[in-house]
């Protein structure tokens, strides 16, 4: 999956596959996580968030199951 860079102190890049509803987040610390069953709207809001890291911690992590790649 292609990832795009984001402006964040904690997140380096994000990628999304709308067909499988999978979100990948690459953290600046080096970890990459794949979140499943993420609606496209959540991805769009992530890209527009004033703080990407805060959005990930507040919305993505608590609501969606992740696997470390």
PDB file of N, CA and C in Angstrom:
ATOM      1  N   UNK A   1       0.847  -1.180   0.000  1.00  0.00           N
ATOM      2  CA  UNK A   1       0.000   0.000   0.000  1.00  0.00           C
ATOM      3  C   UNK A   1       0.889   1.239   0.000  1.00  0.00           C
ATOM      4  N   UNK A   2       0.544   2.180  -0.837  1.00  0.00           N
ATOM      5  CA  UNK A   2       1.282   3.442  -0.862  1.00  0.00           C
ATOM      6  C   UNK A   2       0.868   4.292   0.323  1.00  0.00           C
ATOM      7  N   UNK A   3       1.842   4.935   0.926  1.00  0.00           N
ATOM      8  CA  UNK A   3       1.574   5.843   2.043  1.00  0.00           C
ATOM      9  C   UNK A   3       1.988   7.250   1.643  1.00  0.00           C
ATOM     10  N   UNK A   4       1.274   8.224   2.171  1.00  0.00           N
ATOM     11  CA  UNK A   4       1.618   9.617   1.904  1.00  0.00           C
ATOM     12  C   UNK A   4       2.146  10.248   3.187  1.00  0.00           C
ATOM     13  N   UNK A   5       3.161  11.098   3.079  1.00  0.00           N
ATOM     14  CA  UNK A   5       3.694  11.754   4.271  1.00  0.00           C
ATOM     15  C   UNK A   5       2.678  12.736   4.854  1.00  0.00           C
ATOM     16  N   UNK A   6       2.694  12.868   6.177  1.00  0.00           N
ATOM     17  CA  UNK A   6       1.824  13.831   6.858  1.00  0.00           C
ATOM     18  C   UNK A   6       2.669  14.700   7.778  1.00  0.00           C
ATOM     19  N   UNK A   7       2.149  15.885   8.080  1.00  0.00           N
ATOM     20  CA  UNK A   7       2.834  16.783   9.000  1.00  0.00           C
ATOM     21  C   UNK A   7       2.425  16.412  10.419  1.00  0.00           C
ATOM     22  N   UNK A   8       3.329  15.784  11.119  1.00  0.00           N
ATOM     23  CA  UNK A   8       3.051  15.328  12.473  1.00  0.00           C
ATOM     24  C   UNK A   8       4.373  15.028  13.158  1.00  0.00           C
ATOM     25  N   UNK A   9       4.418  15.236  14.455  1.00  0.00           N
ATOM     26  CA  UNK A   9       5.632  14.893  15.195  1.00  0.00           C
ATOM     27  C   UNK A   9       5.691  13.410  15.522  1.00  0.00           C
ATOM     28  N   UNK A  10       4.553  12.723  15.469  1.00  0.00           N
ATOM     29  CA  UNK A  10       4.538  11.302  15.827  1.00  0.00           C
ATOM     30  C   UNK A  10       4.245  10.366  14.652  1.00  0.00           C
ATOM     31  N   UNK A  11       3.574  10.863  13.627  1.00  0.00           N
ATOM     32  CA  UNK A  11       3.195  10.033  12.478  1.00  0.00           C
ATOM     33  C   UNK A  11       3.974  10.503  11.247  1.00  0.00           C
ATOM     34  N   UNK A  12       4.629   9.562  10.570  1.00  0.00           N
ATOM     35  CA  UNK A  12       5.408   9.912   9.377  1.00  0.00           C
ATOM     36  C   UNK A  12       4.559   9.878   8.111  1.00  0.00           C
ATOM     37  N   UNK A  13       3.715   8.821   7.983  1.00  0.00           N
ATOM     38  CA  UNK A  13       2.944   8.650   6.746  1.00  0.00           C
ATOM     39  C   UNK A  13       1.725   7.781   7.011  1.00  0.00           C
ATOM     40  N   UNK A  14       0.719   7.927   6.147  1.00  0.00           N
ATOM     41  CA  UNK A  14      -0.497   7.119   6.249  1.00  0.00           C
ATOM     42  C   UNK A  14      -0.894   6.635   4.859  1.00  0.00           C
ATOM     43  N   UNK A  15      -1.540   5.478   4.820  1.00  0.00           N
ATOM     44  CA  UNK A  15      -2.060   4.943   3.574  1.00  0.00           C
ATOM     45  C   UNK A  15      -3.422   4.321   3.831  1.00  0.00           C
ATOM     46  N   UNK A  16      -4.239   4.266   2.795  1.00  0.00           N
ATOM     47  CA  UNK A  16      -5.593   3.734   2.964  1.00  0.00           C
ATOM     48  C   UNK A  16      -6.007   2.972   1.715  1.00  0.00           C
ATOM     49  N   UNK A  17      -6.621   1.816   1.922  1.00  0.00           N
ATOM     50  CA  UNK A  17      -7.191   1.023   0.827  1.00  0.00           C
ATOM     51  C   UNK A  17      -8.703   0.998   1.013  1.00  0.00           C
ATOM     52  N   UNK A  18      -9.448   1.749   0.197  1.00  0.00           N
ATOM     53  CA  UNK A  18     -10.903   1.828   0.380  1.00  0.00           C
ATOM     54  C   UNK A  18     -11.623   0.509   0.123  1.00  0.00           C
ATOM     55  N   UNK A  19     -11.079  -0.338  -0.732  1.00  0.00           N
ATOM     56  CA  UNK A  19     -11.742  -1.612  -1.029  1.00  0.00           C
ATOM     57  C   UNK A  19     -11.743  -2.550   0.169  1.00  0.00           C
ATOM     58  N   UNK A  20     -10.653  -2.555   0.926  1.00  0.00           N
ATOM     59  CA  UNK A  20     -10.565  -3.438   2.097  1.00  0.00           C
ATOM     60  C   UNK A  20     -10.770  -2.695   3.409  1.00  0.00           C
ATOM     61  N   UNK A  21     -10.930  -1.369   3.349  1.00  0.00           N
ATOM     62  CA  UNK A  21     -11.100  -0.522   4.538  1.00  0.00           C
ATOM     63  C   UNK A  21      -9.945  -0.710   5.522  1.00  0.00           C
ATOM     64  N   UNK A  22      -8.725  -0.724   4.964  1.00  0.00           N
ATOM     65  CA  UNK A  22      -7.517  -0.891   5.773  1.00  0.00           C
ATOM     66  C   UNK A  22      -6.729   0.416   5.774  1.00  0.00           C
ATOM     67  N   UNK A  23      -6.341   0.834   6.968  1.00  0.00           N
ATOM     68  CA  UNK A  23      -5.536   2.038   7.170  1.00  0.00           C
ATOM     69  C   UNK A  23      -4.172   1.623   7.693  1.00  0.00           C
ATOM     70  N   UNK A  24      -3.112   2.098   7.053  1.00  0.00           N
ATOM     71  CA  UNK A  24      -1.764   1.865   7.549  1.00  0.00           C
ATOM     72  C   UNK A  24      -1.195   3.173   8.066  1.00  0.00           C
ATOM     73  N   UNK A  25      -0.579   3.090   9.234  1.00  0.00           N
ATOM     74  CA  UNK A  25       0.047   4.264   9.843  1.00  0.00           C
ATOM     75  C   UNK A  25       1.503   3.932  10.127  1.00  0.00           C
ATOM     76  N   UNK A  26       2.387   4.755   9.589  1.00  0.00           N
ATOM     77  CA  UNK A  26       3.814   4.629   9.847  1.00  0.00           C
ATOM     78  C   UNK A  26       4.202   5.706  10.859  1.00  0.00           C
ATOM     79  N   UNK A  27       4.654   5.259  12.017  1.00  0.00           N
ATOM     80  CA  UNK A  27       5.029   6.190  13.077  1.00  0.00           C
ATOM     81  C   UNK A  27       6.488   6.599  12.926  1.00  0.00           C
ATOM     82  N   UNK A  28       6.819   7.770  13.417  1.00  0.00           N
ATOM     83  CA  UNK A  28       8.186   8.278  13.310  1.00  0.00           C
ATOM     84  C   UNK A  28       9.170   7.395  14.077  1.00  0.00           C
ATOM     85  N   UNK A  29       8.703   6.695  15.084  1.00  0.00           N
ATOM     86  CA  UNK A  29       9.563   5.790  15.836  1.00  0.00           C
ATOM     87  C   UNK A  29       9.920   4.531  15.068  1.00  0.00           C
ATOM     88  N   UNK A  30       9.329   4.339  13.886  1.00  0.00           N
ATOM     89  CA  UNK A  30       9.673   3.218  13.041  1.00  0.00           C
ATOM     90  C   UNK A  30       8.608   2.150  12.912  1.00  0.00           C
ATOM     91  N   UNK A  31       7.639   2.118  13.792  1.00  0.00           N
ATOM     92  CA  UNK A  31       6.600   1.099  13.707  1.00  0.00           C
ATOM     93  C   UNK A  31       5.577   1.404  12.630  1.00  0.00           C
ATOM     94  N   UNK A  32       5.073   0.346  12.000  1.00  0.00           N
ATOM     95  CA  UNK A  32       3.992   0.473  11.023  1.00  0.00           C
ATOM     96  C   UNK A  32       2.851  -0.419  11.499  1.00  0.00           C
ATOM     97  N   UNK A  33       1.655   0.156  11.569  1.00  0.00           N
ATOM     98  CA  UNK A  33       0.485  -0.567  12.045  1.00  0.00           C
ATOM     99  C   UNK A  33      -0.592  -0.553  10.996  1.00  0.00           C
ATOM    100  N   UNK A  34      -1.293  -1.663  10.882  1.00  0.00           N
ATOM    101  CA  UNK A  34      -2.407  -1.812   9.941  1.00  0.00           C
ATOM    102  C   UNK A  34      -3.692  -1.924  10.756  1.00  0.00           C
ATOM    103  N   UNK A  35      -4.607  -0.986  10.532  1.00  0.00           N
ATOM    104  CA  UNK A  35      -5.904  -0.950  11.217  1.00  0.00           C
ATOM    105  C   UNK A  35      -6.975  -1.419  10.236  1.00  0.00           C
ATOM    106  N   UNK A  36      -7.858  -2.290  10.694  1.00  0.00           N
ATOM    107  CA  UNK A  36      -8.875  -2.865   9.807  1.00  0.00           C
ATOM    108  C   UNK A  36     -10.257  -2.304  10.108  1.00  0.00           C
ATOM    109  N   UNK A  37     -11.130  -2.383   9.095  1.00  0.00           N
ATOM    110  CA  UNK A  37     -12.527  -1.929   9.177  1.00  0.00           C
ATOM    111  C   UNK A  37     -12.631  -0.429   9.458  1.00  0.00           C
ATOM    112  N   UNK A  38     -11.726   0.336   8.871  1.00  0.00           N
ATOM    113  CA  UNK A  38     -11.725   1.792   9.054  1.00  0.00           C
ATOM    114  C   UNK A  38     -12.520   2.420   7.918  1.00  0.00           C
ATOM    115  N   UNK A  39     -13.599   3.133   8.230  1.00  0.00           N
ATOM    116  CA  UNK A  39     -14.383   3.775   7.167  1.00  0.00           C
ATOM    117  C   UNK A  39     -13.577   4.874   6.456  1.00  0.00           C
ATOM    118  N   UNK A  40     -13.907   5.089   5.207  1.00  0.00           N
ATOM    119  CA  UNK A  40     -13.226   6.125   4.427  1.00  0.00           C
ATOM    120  C   UNK A  40     -13.360   7.496   5.082  1.00  0.00           C
ATOM    121  N   UNK A  41     -14.492   7.748   5.722  1.00  0.00           N
ATOM    122  CA  UNK A  41     -14.701   9.044   6.383  1.00  0.00           C
ATOM    123  C   UNK A  41     -13.677   9.263   7.495  1.00  0.00           C
ATOM    124  N   UNK A  42     -13.335   8.220   8.225  1.00  0.00           N
ATOM    125  CA  UNK A  42     -12.337   8.346   9.295  1.00  0.00           C
ATOM    126  C   UNK A  42     -10.970   8.682   8.704  1.00  0.00           C
ATOM    127  N   UNK A  43     -10.646   8.096   7.562  1.00  0.00           N
ATOM    128  CA  UNK A  43      -9.382   8.402   6.890  1.00  0.00           C
ATOM    129  C   UNK A  43      -9.363   9.855   6.414  1.00  0.00           C
ATOM    130  N   UNK A  44     -10.453  10.305   5.814  1.00  0.00           N
ATOM    131  CA  UNK A  44     -10.517  11.697   5.345  1.00  0.00           C
ATOM    132  C   UNK A  44     -10.371  12.672   6.511  1.00  0.00           C
ATOM    133  N   UNK A  45     -11.015  12.362   7.633  1.00  0.00           N
ATOM    134  CA  UNK A  45     -10.896  13.230   8.809  1.00  0.00           C
ATOM    135  C   UNK A  45      -9.474  13.209   9.365  1.00  0.00           C
ATOM    136  N   UNK A  46      -8.817  12.066   9.296  1.00  0.00           N
ATOM    137  CA  UNK A  46      -7.429  11.971   9.734  1.00  0.00           C
ATOM    138  C   UNK A  46      -6.549  12.919   8.920  1.00  0.00           C
ATOM    139  N   UNK A  47      -6.742  12.929   7.610  1.00  0.00           N
ATOM    140  CA  UNK A  47      -5.933  13.796   6.754  1.00  0.00           C
ATOM    141  C   UNK A  47      -6.189  15.271   7.010  1.00  0.00           C
ATOM    142  N   UNK A  48      -7.382  15.607   7.465  1.00  0.00           N
ATOM    143  CA  UNK A  48      -7.745  17.005   7.706  1.00  0.00           C
ATOM    144  C   UNK A  48      -7.548  17.444   9.153  1.00  0.00           C
ATOM    145  N   UNK A  49      -7.168  16.527  10.013  1.00  0.00           N
ATOM    146  CA  UNK A  49      -7.050  16.843  11.443  1.00  0.00           C
ATOM    147  C   UNK A  49      -5.962  17.894  11.678  1.00  0.00           C
ATOM    148  N   UNK A  50      -6.224  18.790  12.613  1.00  0.00           N
ATOM    149  CA  UNK A  50      -5.214  19.799  12.946  1.00  0.00           C
ATOM    150  C   UNK A  50      -4.010  19.146  13.621  1.00  0.00           C
ATOM    151  N   UNK A  51      -4.245  18.022  14.298  1.00  0.00           N
ATOM    152  CA  UNK A  51      -3.163  17.231  14.885  1.00  0.00           C
ATOM    153  C   UNK A  51      -3.391  15.762  14.520  1.00  0.00           C
ATOM    154  N   UNK A  52      -2.591  15.264  13.601  1.00  0.00           N
ATOM    155  CA  UNK A  52      -2.740  13.885  13.140  1.00  0.00           C
ATOM    156  C   UNK A  52      -2.512  12.912  14.285  1.00  0.00           C
ATOM    157  N   UNK A  53      -1.468  13.143  15.068  1.00  0.00           N
ATOM    158  CA  UNK A  53      -1.164  12.261  16.188  1.00  0.00           C
ATOM    159  C   UNK A  53      -2.283  12.204  17.209  1.00  0.00           C
ATOM    160  N   UNK A  54      -2.864  13.341  17.509  1.00  0.00           N
ATOM    161  CA  UNK A  54      -3.978  13.391  18.467  1.00  0.00           C
ATOM    162  C   UNK A  54      -5.184  12.632  17.918  1.00  0.00           C
ATOM    163  N   UNK A  55      -5.473  12.789  16.637  1.00  0.00           N
ATOM    164  CA  UNK A  55      -6.592  12.085  16.014  1.00  0.00           C
ATOM    165  C   UNK A  55      -6.369  10.576  16.072  1.00  0.00           C
ATOM    166  N   UNK A  56      -5.152  10.145  15.788  1.00  0.00           N
ATOM    167  CA  UNK A  56      -4.837   8.719  15.859  1.00  0.00           C
ATOM    168  C   UNK A  56      -5.072   8.203  17.271  1.00  0.00           C
ATOM    169  N   UNK A  57      -4.587   8.928  18.267  1.00  0.00           N
ATOM    170  CA  UNK A  57      -4.733   8.489  19.662  1.00  0.00           C
ATOM    171  C   UNK A  57      -6.166   8.554  20.164  1.00  0.00           C
ATOM    172  N   UNK A  58      -6.920   9.545  19.709  1.00  0.00           N
ATOM    173  CA  UNK A  58      -8.280   9.764  20.214  1.00  0.00           C
ATOM    174  C   UNK A  58      -9.329   8.948  19.466  1.00  0.00           C
ATOM    175  N   UNK A  59      -9.132   8.738  18.148  1.00  0.00           N
ATOM    176  CA  UNK A  59     -10.167   8.106  17.329  1.00  0.00           C
ATOM    177  C   UNK A  59      -9.748   6.722  16.808  1.00  0.00           C
ATOM    178  N   UNK A  60      -8.588   6.645  16.198  1.00  0.00           N
ATOM    179  CA  UNK A  60      -8.203   5.411  15.512  1.00  0.00           C
ATOM    180  C   UNK A  60      -7.843   4.296  16.498  1.00  0.00           C
ATOM    181  N   UNK A  61      -6.897   4.546  17.372  1.00  0.00           N
ATOM    182  CA  UNK A  61      -6.427   3.491  18.286  1.00  0.00           C
ATOM    183  C   UNK A  61      -7.532   2.881  19.149  1.00  0.00           C
ATOM    184  N   UNK A  62      -8.419   3.697  19.748  1.00  0.00           N
ATOM    185  CA  UNK A  62      -9.445   3.087  20.615  1.00  0.00           C
ATOM    186  C   UNK A  62     -10.536   2.317  19.869  1.00  0.00           C
ATOM    187  N   UNK A  63     -10.737   2.618  18.592  1.00  0.00           N
ATOM    188  CA  UNK A  63     -11.902   2.068  17.879  1.00  0.00           C
ATOM    189  C   UNK A  63     -11.602   0.950  16.901  1.00  0.00           C
ATOM    190  N   UNK A  64     -10.348   0.827  16.464  1.00  0.00           N
ATOM    191  CA  UNK A  64     -10.049  -0.122  15.397  1.00  0.00           C
ATOM    192  C   UNK A  64      -8.919  -1.062  15.813  1.00  0.00           C
ATOM    193  N   UNK A  65      -9.050  -2.310  15.384  1.00  0.00           N
ATOM    194  CA  UNK A  65      -8.062  -3.342  15.694  1.00  0.00           C
ATOM    195  C   UNK A  65      -6.832  -3.152  14.817  1.00  0.00           C
ATOM    196  N   UNK A  66      -5.657  -3.277  15.437  1.00  0.00           N
ATOM    197  CA  UNK A  66      -4.407  -3.068  14.717  1.00  0.00           C
ATOM    198  C   UNK A  66      -3.515  -4.288  14.782  1.00  0.00           C
ATOM    199  N   UNK A  67      -2.689  -4.406  13.743  1.00  0.00           N
ATOM    200  CA  UNK A  67      -1.636  -5.418  13.681  1.00  0.00           C
ATOM    201  C   UNK A  67      -0.355  -4.692  13.325  1.00  0.00           C
ATOM    202  N   UNK A  68       0.714  -4.979  14.036  1.00  0.00           N
ATOM    203  CA  UNK A  68       2.006  -4.378  13.695  1.00  0.00           C
ATOM    204  C   UNK A  68       2.612  -5.141  12.523  1.00  0.00           C
ATOM    205  N   UNK A  69       3.107  -4.383  11.546  1.00  0.00           N
ATOM    206  CA  UNK A  69       3.731  -5.009  10.374  1.00  0.00           C
ATOM    207  C   UNK A  69       5.219  -5.174  10.585  1.00  0.00           C
TER     208      UNK A  69
END
